[in-house]
Amino acid sequence: MRQAPEFFESEELDLIFIAKKLKEALKIEDLLTEAGIDYAVEPDTYRGGLIFASERIGAFFYVPPSASEQAKQVLSAHRYKPYEI
């Protein structure tokens, strides 16, 4: 379920996905909520484009480390590629 970042207090969160489109972000929210995973989402910038590279805004999804593997499995099961460092 979507939570405000303050919900996680001082816990370090893992970035699991960067949604580049609104439709994609809404689908990720649905998947994580249906799986019962607490997550935070915040807008941030990322670098995109090959020929005309530019900074763009995306939805960055974060989960606590204890839920990271489960969240990545949920994303992979629905053909989304989890963020990897």
Protein backbone atom coordinates (compact mmCIF):
# COMPACT_ATOMS: atom_id res chain seq x y z
CA MET A 1 0.00 0.00 0.00
CA ARG A 2 1.27 3.47 -0.83
CA GLN A 3 2.73 5.28 2.14
CA ALA A 4 4.25 8.70 2.72
CA PRO A 5 8.04 8.59 3.08
CA GLU A 6 7.62 9.63 6.74
CA PHE A 7 5.85 6.29 7.38
CA PHE A 8 9.19 4.51 7.04
CA GLU A 9 10.82 6.88 9.57
CA SER A 10 14.61 6.77 9.27
CA GLU A 11 14.67 3.37 7.52
CA GLU A 12 16.80 3.30 4.36
CA LEU A 13 14.58 2.38 1.39
CA ASP A 14 15.53 0.42 -1.74
CA LEU A 15 14.77 1.82 -5.18
CA ILE A 16 12.97 -0.95 -7.08
CA PHE A 17 11.54 0.74 -10.18
CA ILE A 18 11.52 3.97 -12.18
CA ALA A 19 8.26 4.48 -14.09
CA LYS A 20 8.73 6.69 -17.10
CA LYS A 21 5.03 7.12 -17.95
CA LEU A 22 1.94 7.77 -15.85
CA LYS A 23 0.15 4.64 -17.11
CA GLU A 24 3.14 2.52 -16.11
CA ALA A 25 3.33 4.16 -12.65
CA LEU A 26 -0.36 3.49 -12.02
CA LYS A 27 0.07 -0.17 -12.98
CA ILE A 28 3.06 -0.56 -10.63
CA GLU A 29 1.03 1.01 -7.82
CA ASP A 30 -1.77 -1.49 -8.44
CA LEU A 31 0.62 -4.46 -8.48
CA LEU A 32 2.37 -3.48 -5.25
CA THR A 33 -0.93 -2.71 -3.49
CA GLU A 34 -2.47 -6.03 -4.57
CA ALA A 35 0.62 -7.83 -3.26
CA GLY A 36 0.26 -6.06 0.11
CA ILE A 37 3.65 -4.36 -0.12
CA ASP A 38 4.17 -0.99 1.58
CA TYR A 39 5.97 1.40 -0.76
CA ALA A 40 6.75 5.07 -1.27
CA VAL A 41 6.72 6.82 -4.63
CA GLU A 42 8.32 10.16 -5.41
CA PRO A 43 8.88 12.15 -8.59
CA ASP A 44 12.51 12.66 -9.53
CA THR A 45 14.60 13.24 -12.63
CA TYR A 46 16.42 10.65 -14.70
CA ARG A 47 18.47 10.85 -17.87
CA GLY A 48 16.72 9.43 -20.96
CA GLY A 49 17.03 9.27 -24.71
CA LEU A 50 19.81 8.00 -26.91
CA ILE A 51 20.14 10.51 -29.70
CA PHE A 52 18.56 13.48 -27.92
CA ALA A 53 19.48 12.80 -24.30
CA SER A 54 17.65 14.92 -21.79
CA GLU A 55 16.54 15.00 -18.18
CA ARG A 56 13.02 13.70 -17.67
CA ILE A 57 10.72 13.25 -14.70
CA GLY A 58 9.67 9.79 -13.57
CA ALA A 59 8.01 8.08 -10.62
CA PHE A 60 10.62 6.43 -8.38
CA PHE A 61 9.29 3.49 -6.34
CA TYR A 62 10.92 2.63 -3.00
CA VAL A 63 10.33 -0.25 -0.56
CA PRO A 64 11.91 -1.28 2.74
CA PRO A 65 14.82 -3.75 2.34
CA SER A 66 12.69 -6.47 3.96
CA ALA A 67 10.18 -6.23 1.08
CA SER A 68 12.67 -5.64 -1.74
CA GLU A 69 12.93 -9.23 -3.03
CA GLN A 70 9.17 -9.79 -2.89
CA ALA A 71 8.51 -6.53 -4.75
CA LYS A 72 11.07 -7.40 -7.43
CA GLN A 73 9.45 -10.82 -7.88
CA VAL A 74 6.02 -9.20 -8.31
CA LEU A 75 7.42 -6.81 -10.94
CA SER A 76 9.26 -9.59 -12.79
CA ALA A 77 6.16 -11.80 -12.79
CA HIS A 78 4.32 -9.04 -14.67
CA ARG A 79 7.17 -8.44 -17.14
CA TYR A 80 8.56 -5.29 -15.56
CA LYS A 81 12.30 -5.08 -15.12
CA PRO A 82 13.18 -4.08 -11.53
CA TYR A 83 15.80 -1.39 -11.06
CA GLU A 84 19.31 -2.75 -10.53
CA ILE A 85 22.30 -0.70 -9.44
